[in-house]
């Protein structure tokens, strides 16, 4: 099964073959404001169907992650590591609700302990 994510206007669409065991709800200062629900995966498991060059990156704090959003509708689409790496996350809130139904949501304390709260 392939999971597909799309921003509100459809300018950015991506799919992943990742089979997550859970989704992550982070409470760091940025994720809390974005309201994102993260599906972590290897970048090799993600394909952009359109709009890979239609995102704007925001880099904050320790400058290790780039948070991407659609430049047209503003939806946060994904984050990727600065300088490459073997991890990234797609905003699962951009997927059809039925596609992620039943997946556990783990709460991550990105504000203080950098560990899962559950």
PDB file of N, CA and C in Angstrom:
ATOM      1  N   UNK A   1       0.836  -1.184   0.000  1.00  0.00           N
ATOM      2  CA  UNK A   1       0.000   0.000   0.000  1.00  0.00           C
ATOM      3  C   UNK A   1       0.883   1.250   0.000  1.00  0.00           C
ATOM      4  N   UNK A   2       0.494   2.220  -0.780  1.00  0.00           N
ATOM      5  CA  UNK A   2       1.206   3.491  -0.863  1.00  0.00           C
ATOM      6  C   UNK A   2       0.372   4.562  -0.180  1.00  0.00           C
ATOM      7  N   UNK A   3       1.020   5.386   0.611  1.00  0.00           N
ATOM      8  CA  UNK A   3       0.353   6.507   1.267  1.00  0.00           C
ATOM      9  C   UNK A   3       0.656   7.775   0.485  1.00  0.00           C
ATOM     10  N   UNK A   4      -0.377   8.561   0.197  1.00  0.00           N
ATOM     11  CA  UNK A   4      -0.229   9.793  -0.569  1.00  0.00           C
ATOM     12  C   UNK A   4      -0.594  10.986   0.299  1.00  0.00           C
ATOM     13  N   UNK A   5       0.194  12.035   0.183  1.00  0.00           N
ATOM     14  CA  UNK A   5      -0.054  13.290   0.906  1.00  0.00           C
ATOM     15  C   UNK A   5      -0.112  14.419  -0.115  1.00  0.00           C
ATOM     16  N   UNK A   6      -1.013  15.370   0.108  1.00  0.00           N
ATOM     17  CA  UNK A   6      -1.132  16.521  -0.796  1.00  0.00           C
ATOM     18  C   UNK A   6      -1.481  17.756   0.019  1.00  0.00           C
ATOM     19  N   UNK A   7      -0.883  18.874  -0.343  1.00  0.00           N
ATOM     20  CA  UNK A   7      -1.232  20.136   0.305  1.00  0.00           C
ATOM     21  C   UNK A   7      -2.653  20.532  -0.121  1.00  0.00           C
ATOM     22  N   UNK A   8      -3.180  21.578   0.449  1.00  0.00           N
ATOM     23  CA  UNK A   8      -4.564  21.969   0.194  1.00  0.00           C
ATOM     24  C   UNK A   8      -4.817  22.316  -1.268  1.00  0.00           C
ATOM     25  N   UNK A   9      -3.903  23.033  -1.893  1.00  0.00           N
ATOM     26  CA  UNK A   9      -4.113  23.449  -3.286  1.00  0.00           C
ATOM     27  C   UNK A   9      -3.687  22.393  -4.297  1.00  0.00           C
ATOM     28  N   UNK A  10      -2.982  21.359  -3.849  1.00  0.00           N
ATOM     29  CA  UNK A  10      -2.553  20.285  -4.739  1.00  0.00           C
ATOM     30  C   UNK A  10      -1.253  20.531  -5.468  1.00  0.00           C
ATOM     31  N   UNK A  11      -0.606  21.664  -5.206  1.00  0.00           N
ATOM     32  CA  UNK A  11       0.656  21.962  -5.886  1.00  0.00           C
ATOM     33  C   UNK A  11       1.777  21.019  -5.451  1.00  0.00           C
ATOM     34  N   UNK A  12       1.696  20.504  -4.221  1.00  0.00           N
ATOM     35  CA  UNK A  12       2.702  19.575  -3.708  1.00  0.00           C
ATOM     36  C   UNK A  12       2.007  18.260  -3.380  1.00  0.00           C
ATOM     37  N   UNK A  13       2.474  17.202  -4.027  1.00  0.00           N
ATOM     38  CA  UNK A  13       1.937  15.857  -3.771  1.00  0.00           C
ATOM     39  C   UNK A  13       3.116  14.910  -3.666  1.00  0.00           C
ATOM     40  N   UNK A  14       3.055  14.040  -2.669  1.00  0.00           N
ATOM     41  CA  UNK A  14       4.111  13.050  -2.491  1.00  0.00           C
ATOM     42  C   UNK A  14       3.495  11.734  -2.047  1.00  0.00           C
ATOM     43  N   UNK A  15       4.248  10.667  -2.238  1.00  0.00           N
ATOM     44  CA  UNK A  15       3.791   9.373  -1.780  1.00  0.00           C
ATOM     45  C   UNK A  15       4.946   8.649  -1.111  1.00  0.00           C
ATOM     46  N   UNK A  16       4.579   7.718  -0.241  1.00  0.00           N
ATOM     47  CA  UNK A  16       5.603   6.946   0.455  1.00  0.00           C
ATOM     48  C   UNK A  16       5.195   5.485   0.520  1.00  0.00           C
ATOM     49  N   UNK A  17       6.197   4.645   0.469  1.00  0.00           N
ATOM     50  CA  UNK A  17       6.000   3.209   0.634  1.00  0.00           C
ATOM     51  C   UNK A  17       6.277   2.792   2.070  1.00  0.00           C
ATOM     52  N   UNK A  18       6.585   3.758   2.931  1.00  0.00           N
ATOM     53  CA  UNK A  18       6.902   3.471   4.334  1.00  0.00           C
ATOM     54  C   UNK A  18       5.715   2.802   5.013  1.00  0.00           C
ATOM     55  N   UNK A  19       5.998   1.929   5.934  1.00  0.00           N
ATOM     56  CA  UNK A  19       4.984   1.246   6.739  1.00  0.00           C
ATOM     57  C   UNK A  19       5.203   1.627   8.200  1.00  0.00           C
ATOM     58  N   UNK A  20       4.708   2.787   8.593  1.00  0.00           N
ATOM     59  CA  UNK A  20       4.983   3.256   9.964  1.00  0.00           C
ATOM     60  C   UNK A  20       4.231   2.439  11.006  1.00  0.00           C
ATOM     61  N   UNK A  21       4.850   2.283  12.161  1.00  0.00           N
ATOM     62  CA  UNK A  21       4.191   1.637  13.292  1.00  0.00           C
ATOM     63  C   UNK A  21       3.369   2.658  14.074  1.00  0.00           C
ATOM     64  N   UNK A  22       3.754   3.931  13.941  1.00  0.00           N
ATOM     65  CA  UNK A  22       3.043   5.007  14.625  1.00  0.00           C
ATOM     66  C   UNK A  22       3.301   6.331  13.929  1.00  0.00           C
ATOM     67  N   UNK A  23       2.519   7.320  14.298  1.00  0.00           N
ATOM     68  CA  UNK A  23       2.710   8.710  13.885  1.00  0.00           C
ATOM     69  C   UNK A  23       3.171   9.471  15.114  1.00  0.00           C
ATOM     70  N   UNK A  24       3.871  10.574  14.903  1.00  0.00           N
ATOM     71  CA  UNK A  24       4.428  11.316  16.024  1.00  0.00           C
ATOM     72  C   UNK A  24       3.820  12.712  16.121  1.00  0.00           C
ATOM     73  N   UNK A  25       3.347  13.029  17.320  1.00  0.00           N
ATOM     74  CA  UNK A  25       2.833  14.355  17.663  1.00  0.00           C
ATOM     75  C   UNK A  25       3.872  14.984  18.585  1.00  0.00           C
ATOM     76  N   UNK A  26       4.604  15.979  18.091  1.00  0.00           N
ATOM     77  CA  UNK A  26       5.698  16.615  18.827  1.00  0.00           C
ATOM     78  C   UNK A  26       5.209  17.918  19.457  1.00  0.00           C
ATOM     79  N   UNK A  27       5.703  18.200  20.662  1.00  0.00           N
ATOM     80  CA  UNK A  27       5.298  19.425  21.355  1.00  0.00           C
ATOM     81  C   UNK A  27       6.389  20.501  21.360  1.00  0.00           C
ATOM     82  N   UNK A  28       7.359  20.408  20.449  1.00  0.00           N
ATOM     83  CA  UNK A  28       8.374  21.465  20.406  1.00  0.00           C
ATOM     84  C   UNK A  28       7.708  22.780  19.991  1.00  0.00           C
ATOM     85  N   UNK A  29       8.414  23.859  20.160  1.00  0.00           N
ATOM     86  CA  UNK A  29       7.824  25.179  19.917  1.00  0.00           C
ATOM     87  C   UNK A  29       7.306  25.344  18.493  1.00  0.00           C
ATOM     88  N   UNK A  30       7.918  24.690  17.526  1.00  0.00           N
ATOM     89  CA  UNK A  30       7.474  24.820  16.141  1.00  0.00           C
ATOM     90  C   UNK A  30       6.355  23.828  15.793  1.00  0.00           C
ATOM     91  N   UNK A  31       6.567  22.561  16.077  1.00  0.00           N
ATOM     92  CA  UNK A  31       5.547  21.546  15.733  1.00  0.00           C
ATOM     93  C   UNK A  31       4.223  21.841  16.427  1.00  0.00           C
ATOM     94  N   UNK A  32       4.284  22.308  17.672  1.00  0.00           N
ATOM     95  CA  UNK A  32       3.064  22.644  18.396  1.00  0.00           C
ATOM     96  C   UNK A  32       2.290  23.719  17.648  1.00  0.00           C
ATOM     97  N   UNK A  33       2.969  24.698  17.122  1.00  0.00           N
ATOM     98  CA  UNK A  33       2.307  25.776  16.381  1.00  0.00           C
ATOM     99  C   UNK A  33       1.808  25.310  15.008  1.00  0.00           C
ATOM    100  N   UNK A  34       2.547  24.391  14.396  1.00  0.00           N
ATOM    101  CA  UNK A  34       2.156  23.894  13.076  1.00  0.00           C
ATOM    102  C   UNK A  34       0.974  22.928  13.154  1.00  0.00           C
ATOM    103  N   UNK A  35       0.847  22.221  14.250  1.00  0.00           N
ATOM    104  CA  UNK A  35      -0.209  21.226  14.373  1.00  0.00           C
ATOM    105  C   UNK A  35       0.015  20.013  13.490  1.00  0.00           C
ATOM    106  N   UNK A  36       1.263  19.751  13.172  1.00  0.00           N
ATOM    107  CA  UNK A  36       1.598  18.637  12.284  1.00  0.00           C
ATOM    108  C   UNK A  36       1.553  17.311  13.026  1.00  0.00           C
ATOM    109  N   UNK A  37       1.338  16.248  12.280  1.00  0.00           N
ATOM    110  CA  UNK A  37       1.381  14.879  12.772  1.00  0.00           C
ATOM    111  C   UNK A  37       2.363  14.158  11.849  1.00  0.00           C
ATOM    112  N   UNK A  38       3.492  13.740  12.378  1.00  0.00           N
ATOM    113  CA  UNK A  38       4.606  13.313  11.538  1.00  0.00           C
ATOM    114  C   UNK A  38       4.647  11.811  11.287  1.00  0.00           C
ATOM    115  N   UNK A  39       4.830  11.453  10.028  1.00  0.00           N
ATOM    116  CA  UNK A  39       5.095  10.089   9.601  1.00  0.00           C
ATOM    117  C   UNK A  39       6.574  10.053   9.232  1.00  0.00           C
ATOM    118  N   UNK A  40       7.393   9.449  10.089  1.00  0.00           N
ATOM    119  CA  UNK A  40       8.833   9.393   9.859  1.00  0.00           C
ATOM    120  C   UNK A  40       9.174   8.287   8.869  1.00  0.00           C
ATOM    121  N   UNK A  41      10.146   8.562   8.022  1.00  0.00           N
ATOM    122  CA  UNK A  41      10.539   7.577   7.018  1.00  0.00           C
ATOM    123  C   UNK A  41      11.929   7.900   6.486  1.00  0.00           C
ATOM    124  N   UNK A  42      12.432   6.998   5.693  1.00  0.00           N
ATOM    125  CA  UNK A  42      13.699   7.184   4.989  1.00  0.00           C
ATOM    126  C   UNK A  42      13.386   7.975   3.716  1.00  0.00           C
ATOM    127  N   UNK A  43      14.181   8.970   3.365  1.00  0.00           N
ATOM    128  CA  UNK A  43      13.921   9.720   2.127  1.00  0.00           C
ATOM    129  C   UNK A  43      13.826   8.838   0.882  1.00  0.00           C
ATOM    130  N   UNK A  44      14.477   7.686   0.891  1.00  0.00           N
ATOM    131  CA  UNK A  44      14.405   6.770  -0.258  1.00  0.00           C
ATOM    132  C   UNK A  44      13.008   6.187  -0.424  1.00  0.00           C
ATOM    133  N   UNK A  45      12.182   6.275   0.623  1.00  0.00           N
ATOM    134  CA  UNK A  45      10.825   5.750   0.570  1.00  0.00           C
ATOM    135  C   UNK A  45       9.799   6.793   0.107  1.00  0.00           C
ATOM    136  N   UNK A  46      10.272   7.986  -0.250  1.00  0.00           N
ATOM    137  CA  UNK A  46       9.375   9.092  -0.611  1.00  0.00           C
ATOM    138  C   UNK A  46       9.603   9.501  -2.053  1.00  0.00           C
ATOM    139  N   UNK A  47       8.505   9.671  -2.782  1.00  0.00           N
ATOM    140  CA  UNK A  47       8.563  10.188  -4.156  1.00  0.00           C
ATOM    141  C   UNK A  47       7.644  11.399  -4.250  1.00  0.00           C
ATOM    142  N   UNK A  48       8.136  12.462  -4.838  1.00  0.00           N
ATOM    143  CA  UNK A  48       7.296  13.623  -5.103  1.00  0.00           C
ATOM    144  C   UNK A  48       6.589  13.398  -6.434  1.00  0.00           C
ATOM    145  N   UNK A  49       5.288  13.475  -6.420  1.00  0.00           N
ATOM    146  CA  UNK A  49       4.499  13.345  -7.642  1.00  0.00           C
ATOM    147  C   UNK A  49       4.461  14.681  -8.371  1.00  0.00           C
ATOM    148  N   UNK A  50       4.490  15.764  -7.619  1.00  0.00           N
ATOM    149  CA  UNK A  50       4.600  17.112  -8.180  1.00  0.00           C
ATOM    150  C   UNK A  50       4.970  18.071  -7.055  1.00  0.00           C
ATOM    151  N   UNK A  51       5.573  19.167  -7.430  1.00  0.00           N
ATOM    152  CA  UNK A  51       5.814  20.266  -6.517  1.00  0.00           C
ATOM    153  C   UNK A  51       7.012  20.199  -5.608  1.00  0.00           C
ATOM    154  N   UNK A  52       7.934  19.300  -5.856  1.00  0.00           N
ATOM    155  CA  UNK A  52       9.114  19.244  -4.984  1.00  0.00           C
ATOM    156  C   UNK A  52       9.812  20.600  -4.926  1.00  0.00           C
ATOM    157  N   UNK A  53       9.795  21.325  -6.036  1.00  0.00           N
ATOM    158  CA  UNK A  53      10.424  22.649  -6.086  1.00  0.00           C
ATOM    159  C   UNK A  53       9.437  23.768  -5.754  1.00  0.00           C
ATOM    160  N   UNK A  54       8.236  23.414  -5.317  1.00  0.00           N
ATOM    161  CA  UNK A  54       7.205  24.401  -4.988  1.00  0.00           C
ATOM    162  C   UNK A  54       7.130  24.678  -3.494  1.00  0.00           C
ATOM    163  N   UNK A  55       8.067  24.130  -2.714  1.00  0.00           N
ATOM    164  CA  UNK A  55       8.034  24.352  -1.273  1.00  0.00           C
ATOM    165  C   UNK A  55       9.043  25.417  -0.866  1.00  0.00           C
ATOM    166  N   UNK A  56       8.759  25.992   0.282  1.00  0.00           N
ATOM    167  CA  UNK A  56       9.655  26.973   0.897  1.00  0.00           C
ATOM    168  C   UNK A  56      10.148  26.340   2.190  1.00  0.00           C
ATOM    169  N   UNK A  57      11.447  26.401   2.431  1.00  0.00           N
ATOM    170  CA  UNK A  57      12.018  25.807   3.634  1.00  0.00           C
ATOM    171  C   UNK A  57      12.222  26.863   4.713  1.00  0.00           C
ATOM    172  N   UNK A  58      11.902  26.486   5.931  1.00  0.00           N
ATOM    173  CA  UNK A  58      12.162  27.317   7.101  1.00  0.00           C
ATOM    174  C   UNK A  58      13.108  26.537   8.003  1.00  0.00           C
ATOM    175  N   UNK A  59      14.244  27.131   8.331  1.00  0.00           N
ATOM    176  CA  UNK A  59      15.241  26.489   9.175  1.00  0.00           C
ATOM    177  C   UNK A  59      15.380  27.318  10.437  1.00  0.00           C
ATOM    178  N   UNK A  60      15.255  26.656  11.589  1.00  0.00           N
ATOM    179  CA  UNK A  60      15.297  27.396  12.853  1.00  0.00           C
ATOM    180  C   UNK A  60      16.194  26.685  13.855  1.00  0.00           C
ATOM    181  N   UNK A  61      16.360  27.283  15.008  1.00  0.00           N
ATOM    182  CA  UNK A  61      17.057  26.655  16.131  1.00  0.00           C
ATOM    183  C   UNK A  61      18.452  26.177  15.801  1.00  0.00           C
ATOM    184  N   UNK A  62      18.669  24.869  15.975  1.00  0.00           N
ATOM    185  CA  UNK A  62      20.009  24.316  15.776  1.00  0.00           C
ATOM    186  C   UNK A  62      20.362  24.118  14.304  1.00  0.00           C
ATOM    187  N   UNK A  63      19.459  24.517  13.416  1.00  0.00           N
ATOM    188  CA  UNK A  63      19.680  24.539  11.969  1.00  0.00           C
ATOM    189  C   UNK A  63      19.968  23.152  11.385  1.00  0.00           C
ATOM    190  N   UNK A  64      19.356  22.115  11.963  1.00  0.00           N
ATOM    191  CA  UNK A  64      19.570  20.761  11.460  1.00  0.00           C
ATOM    192  C   UNK A  64      18.410  20.274  10.602  1.00  0.00           C
ATOM    193  N   UNK A  65      17.224  20.896  10.756  1.00  0.00           N
ATOM    194  CA  UNK A  65      16.047  20.482   9.998  1.00  0.00           C
ATOM    195  C   UNK A  65      15.487  21.641   9.194  1.00  0.00           C
ATOM    196  N   UNK A  66      14.983  21.314   8.014  1.00  0.00           N
ATOM    197  CA  UNK A  66      14.279  22.297   7.188  1.00  0.00           C
ATOM    198  C   UNK A  66      12.807  21.897   7.152  1.00  0.00           C
ATOM    199  N   UNK A  67      11.939  22.778   7.642  1.00  0.00           N
ATOM    200  CA  UNK A  67      10.498  22.557   7.600  1.00  0.00           C
ATOM    201  C   UNK A  67       9.999  23.145   6.293  1.00  0.00           C
ATOM    202  N   UNK A  68       9.330  22.339   5.490  1.00  0.00           N
ATOM    203  CA  UNK A  68       8.870  22.775   4.174  1.00  0.00           C
ATOM    204  C   UNK A  68       7.368  23.030   4.175  1.00  0.00           C
ATOM    205  N   UNK A  69       6.979  24.073   3.459  1.00  0.00           N
ATOM    206  CA  UNK A  69       5.552  24.337   3.268  1.00  0.00           C
ATOM    207  C   UNK A  69       5.316  24.759   1.815  1.00  0.00           C
ATOM    208  N   UNK A  70       4.088  24.557   1.360  1.00  0.00           N
ATOM    209  CA  UNK A  70       3.708  24.938   0.000  1.00  0.00           C
ATOM    210  C   UNK A  70       3.727  26.461  -0.100  1.00  0.00           C
ATOM    211  N   UNK A  71       4.342  26.973  -1.143  1.00  0.00           N
ATOM    212  CA  UNK A  71       4.412  28.429  -1.277  1.00  0.00           C
ATOM    213  C   UNK A  71       3.084  29.038  -1.718  1.00  0.00           C
ATOM    214  N   UNK A  72       2.138  28.222  -2.161  1.00  0.00           N
ATOM    215  CA  UNK A  72       0.840  28.744  -2.583  1.00  0.00           C
ATOM    216  C   UNK A  72      -0.169  28.743  -1.443  1.00  0.00           C
ATOM    217  N   UNK A  73      -0.435  27.567  -0.845  1.00  0.00           N
ATOM    218  CA  UNK A  73      -1.481  27.484   0.181  1.00  0.00           C
ATOM    219  C   UNK A  73      -0.939  27.521   1.605  1.00  0.00           C
ATOM    220  N   UNK A  74       0.366  27.354   1.781  1.00  0.00           N
ATOM    221  CA  UNK A  74       0.974  27.464   3.101  1.00  0.00           C
ATOM    222  C   UNK A  74       0.981  26.200   3.934  1.00  0.00           C
ATOM    223  N   UNK A  75       0.410  25.105   3.453  1.00  0.00           N
ATOM    224  CA  UNK A  75       0.389  23.866   4.243  1.00  0.00           C
ATOM    225  C   UNK A  75       1.806  23.345   4.465  1.00  0.00           C
ATOM    226  N   UNK A  76       2.101  22.962   5.707  1.00  0.00           N
ATOM    227  CA  UNK A  76       3.374  22.324   6.022  1.00  0.00           C
ATOM    228  C   UNK A  76       3.342  20.922   5.437  1.00  0.00           C
ATOM    229  N   UNK A  77       4.307  20.610   4.583  1.00  0.00           N
ATOM    230  CA  UNK A  77       4.288  19.341   3.859  1.00  0.00           C
ATOM    231  C   UNK A  77       5.217  18.292   4.478  1.00  0.00           C
ATOM    232  N   UNK A  78       6.418  18.707   4.875  1.00  0.00           N
ATOM    233  CA  UNK A  78       7.387  17.745   5.382  1.00  0.00           C
ATOM    234  C   UNK A  78       8.558  18.470   6.024  1.00  0.00           C
ATOM    235  N   UNK A  79       9.397  17.694   6.697  1.00  0.00           N
ATOM    236  CA  UNK A  79      10.694  18.226   7.108  1.00  0.00           C
ATOM    237  C   UNK A  79      11.769  17.299   6.571  1.00  0.00           C
ATOM    238  N   UNK A  80      12.918  17.887   6.338  1.00  0.00           N
ATOM    239  CA  UNK A  80      14.062  17.118   5.858  1.00  0.00           C
ATOM    240  C   UNK A  80      15.302  17.619   6.584  1.00  0.00           C
ATOM    241  N   UNK A  81      16.307  16.749   6.748  1.00  0.00           N
ATOM    242  CA  UNK A  81      17.518  17.177   7.428  1.00  0.00           C
ATOM    243  C   UNK A  81      18.353  18.092   6.544  1.00  0.00           C
ATOM    244  N   UNK A  82      18.938  19.103   7.129  1.00  0.00           N
ATOM    245  CA  UNK A  82      19.874  19.952   6.392  1.00  0.00           C
ATOM    246  C   UNK A  82      21.124  19.128   6.120  1.00  0.00           C
ATOM    247  N   UNK A  83      21.608  19.168   4.907  1.00  0.00           N
ATOM    248  CA  UNK A  83      22.828  18.452   4.561  1.00  0.00           C
ATOM    249  C   UNK A  83      22.613  16.974   4.276  1.00  0.00           C
ATOM    250  N   UNK A  84      21.373  16.565   4.047  1.00  0.00           N
ATOM    251  CA  UNK A  84      21.101  15.164   3.730  1.00  0.00           C
ATOM    252  C   UNK A  84      20.984  14.309   4.982  1.00  0.00           C
ATOM    253  N   UNK A  85      20.656  13.092   4.783  1.00  0.00           N
ATOM    254  CA  UNK A  85      20.511  12.174   5.908  1.00  0.00           C
ATOM    255  C   UNK A  85      19.548  11.057   5.570  1.00  0.00           C
ATOM    256  N   UNK A  86      19.364  10.165   6.531  1.00  0.00           N
ATOM    257  CA  UNK A  86      18.542   8.987   6.292  1.00  0.00           C
ATOM    258  C   UNK A  86      17.181   9.061   6.978  1.00  0.00           C
ATOM    259  N   UNK A  87      16.733  10.271   7.283  1.00  0.00           N
ATOM    260  CA  UNK A  87      15.419  10.428   7.901  1.00  0.00           C
ATOM    261  C   UNK A  87      14.748  11.696   7.415  1.00  0.00           C
ATOM    262  N   UNK A  88      13.445  11.638   7.401  1.00  0.00           N
ATOM    263  CA  UNK A  88      12.623  12.790   7.099  1.00  0.00           C
ATOM    264  C   UNK A  88      11.247  12.481   7.649  1.00  0.00           C
ATOM    265  N   UNK A  89      10.321  13.410   7.545  1.00  0.00           N
ATOM    266  CA  UNK A  89       8.953  13.135   7.973  1.00  0.00           C
ATOM    267  C   UNK A  89       7.987  13.883   7.064  1.00  0.00           C
ATOM    268  N   UNK A  90       6.868  13.220   6.801  1.00  0.00           N
ATOM    269  CA  UNK A  90       5.780  13.803   6.017  1.00  0.00           C
ATOM    270  C   UNK A  90       4.667  14.171   6.983  1.00  0.00           C
ATOM    271  N   UNK A  91       4.027  15.293   6.740  1.00  0.00           N
ATOM    272  CA  UNK A  91       2.901  15.694   7.575  1.00  0.00           C
ATOM    273  C   UNK A  91       1.711  14.792   7.230  1.00  0.00           C
ATOM    274  N   UNK A  92       1.406  13.862   8.124  1.00  0.00           N
ATOM    275  CA  UNK A  92       0.334  12.889   7.882  1.00  0.00           C
ATOM    276  C   UNK A  92      -1.041  13.545   7.858  1.00  0.00           C
ATOM    277  N   UNK A  93      -1.157  14.779   8.324  1.00  0.00           N
ATOM    278  CA  UNK A  93      -2.434  15.486   8.262  1.00  0.00           C
ATOM    279  C   UNK A  93      -2.793  15.834   6.811  1.00  0.00           C
ATOM    280  N   UNK A  94      -1.861  15.645   5.893  1.00  0.00           N
ATOM    281  CA  UNK A  94      -2.123  15.876   4.474  1.00  0.00           C
ATOM    282  C   UNK A  94      -2.555  14.600   3.760  1.00  0.00           C
ATOM    283  N   UNK A  95      -2.732  13.526   4.524  1.00  0.00           N
ATOM    284  CA  UNK A  95      -3.175  12.240   3.963  1.00  0.00           C
ATOM    285  C   UNK A  95      -4.659  12.064   4.249  1.00  0.00           C
ATOM    286  N   UNK A  96      -5.302  11.210   3.452  1.00  0.00           N
ATOM    287  CA  UNK A  96      -6.702  10.887   3.705  1.00  0.00           C
ATOM    288  C   UNK A  96      -6.805  10.236   5.078  1.00  0.00           C
ATOM    289  N   UNK A  97      -7.801  10.645   5.845  1.00  0.00           N
ATOM    290  CA  UNK A  97      -7.950  10.144   7.210  1.00  0.00           C
ATOM    291  C   UNK A  97      -8.033   8.618   7.260  1.00  0.00           C
ATOM    292  N   UNK A  98      -8.713   8.018   6.308  1.00  0.00           N
ATOM    293  CA  UNK A  98      -8.844   6.569   6.290  1.00  0.00           C
ATOM    294  C   UNK A  98      -7.529   5.844   6.069  1.00  0.00           C
ATOM    295  N   UNK A  99      -6.602   6.493   5.399  1.00  0.00           N
ATOM    296  CA  UNK A  99      -5.317   5.867   5.092  1.00  0.00           C
ATOM    297  C   UNK A  99      -4.450   5.694   6.332  1.00  0.00           C
ATOM    298  N   UNK A 100      -4.638   6.559   7.328  1.00  0.00           N
ATOM    299  CA  UNK A 100      -3.820   6.475   8.535  1.00  0.00           C
ATOM    300  C   UNK A 100      -4.640   6.057   9.756  1.00  0.00           C
ATOM    301  N   UNK A 101      -5.920   5.775   9.547  1.00  0.00           N
ATOM    302  CA  UNK A 101      -6.783   5.355  10.651  1.00  0.00           C
ATOM    303  C   UNK A 101      -6.212   4.097  11.296  1.00  0.00           C
ATOM    304  N   UNK A 102      -6.244   4.069  12.588  1.00  0.00           N
ATOM    305  CA  UNK A 102      -5.764   2.897  13.309  1.00  0.00           C
ATOM    306  C   UNK A 102      -4.300   2.955  13.680  1.00  0.00           C
ATOM    307  N   UNK A 103      -3.537   3.882  13.090  1.00  0.00           N
ATOM    308  CA  UNK A 103      -2.136   4.001  13.479  1.00  0.00           C
ATOM    309  C   UNK A 103      -2.059   4.689  14.843  1.00  0.00           C
ATOM    310  N   UNK A 104      -1.224   4.163  15.681  1.00  0.00           N
ATOM    311  CA  UNK A 104      -0.999   4.743  17.002  1.00  0.00           C
ATOM    312  C   UNK A 104      -0.377   6.134  16.860  1.00  0.00           C
ATOM    313  N   UNK A 105      -0.762   7.048  17.714  1.00  0.00           N
ATOM    314  CA  UNK A 105      -0.135   8.372  17.762  1.00  0.00           C
ATOM    315  C   UNK A 105       0.694   8.446  19.033  1.00  0.00           C
ATOM    316  N   UNK A 106       1.983   8.609  18.860  1.00  0.00           N
ATOM    317  CA  UNK A 106       2.896   8.732  20.002  1.00  0.00           C
ATOM    318  C   UNK A 106       3.194  10.196  20.230  1.00  0.00           C
ATOM    319  N   UNK A 107       3.246  10.585  21.478  1.00  0.00           N
ATOM    320  CA  UNK A 107       3.510  11.970  21.859  1.00  0.00           C
ATOM    321  C   UNK A 107       4.982  12.107  22.224  1.00  0.00           C
ATOM    322  N   UNK A 108       5.659  12.987  21.496  1.00  0.00           N
ATOM    323  CA  UNK A 108       7.091  13.189  21.666  1.00  0.00           C
ATOM    324  C   UNK A 108       7.340  14.522  22.356  1.00  0.00           C
ATOM    325  N   UNK A 109       8.163  14.514  23.380  1.00  0.00           N
ATOM    326  CA  UNK A 109       8.491  15.730  24.119  1.00  0.00           C
ATOM    327  C   UNK A 109       9.715  16.400  23.487  1.00  0.00           C
ATOM    328  N   UNK A 110       9.463  17.154  22.421  1.00  0.00           N
ATOM    329  CA  UNK A 110      10.534  17.884  21.765  1.00  0.00           C
ATOM    330  C   UNK A 110      10.839  19.202  22.451  1.00  0.00           C
ATOM    331  N   UNK A 111      10.088  19.520  23.491  1.00  0.00           N
ATOM    332  CA  UNK A 111      10.282  20.768  24.221  1.00  0.00           C
ATOM    333  C   UNK A 111      11.315  20.630  25.334  1.00  0.00           C
ATOM    334  N   UNK A 112      11.394  19.437  25.953  1.00  0.00           N
ATOM    335  CA  UNK A 112      12.299  19.307  27.106  1.00  0.00           C
ATOM    336  C   UNK A 112      13.136  18.042  27.086  1.00  0.00           C
ATOM    337  N   UNK A 113      12.504  16.865  27.169  1.00  0.00           N
ATOM    338  CA  UNK A 113      13.271  15.621  27.399  1.00  0.00           C
ATOM    339  C   UNK A 113      13.736  14.930  26.126  1.00  0.00           C
ATOM    340  N   UNK A 114      13.157  15.253  24.996  1.00  0.00           N
ATOM    341  CA  UNK A 114      13.455  14.602  23.718  1.00  0.00           C
ATOM    342  C   UNK A 114      13.237  13.086  23.798  1.00  0.00           C
ATOM    343  N   UNK A 115      12.176  12.723  24.491  1.00  0.00           N
ATOM    344  CA  UNK A 115      11.769  11.329  24.597  1.00  0.00           C
ATOM    345  C   UNK A 115      10.267  11.224  24.443  1.00  0.00           C
ATOM    346  N   UNK A 116       9.789  10.015  24.208  1.00  0.00           N
ATOM    347  CA  UNK A 116       8.358   9.803  24.092  1.00  0.00           C
ATOM    348  C   UNK A 116       7.708   9.883  25.467  1.00  0.00           C
ATOM    349  N   UNK A 117       6.516  10.447  25.507  1.00  0.00           N
ATOM    350  CA  UNK A 117       5.809  10.640  26.759  1.00  0.00           C
ATOM    351  C   UNK A 117       4.881   9.476  27.086  1.00  0.00           C
ATOM    352  N   UNK A 118       4.727   8.546  26.177  1.00  0.00           N
ATOM    353  CA  UNK A 118       3.820   7.422  26.425  1.00  0.00           C
ATOM    354  C   UNK A 118       4.553   6.123  26.685  1.00  0.00           C
TER     355      UNK A 118
END
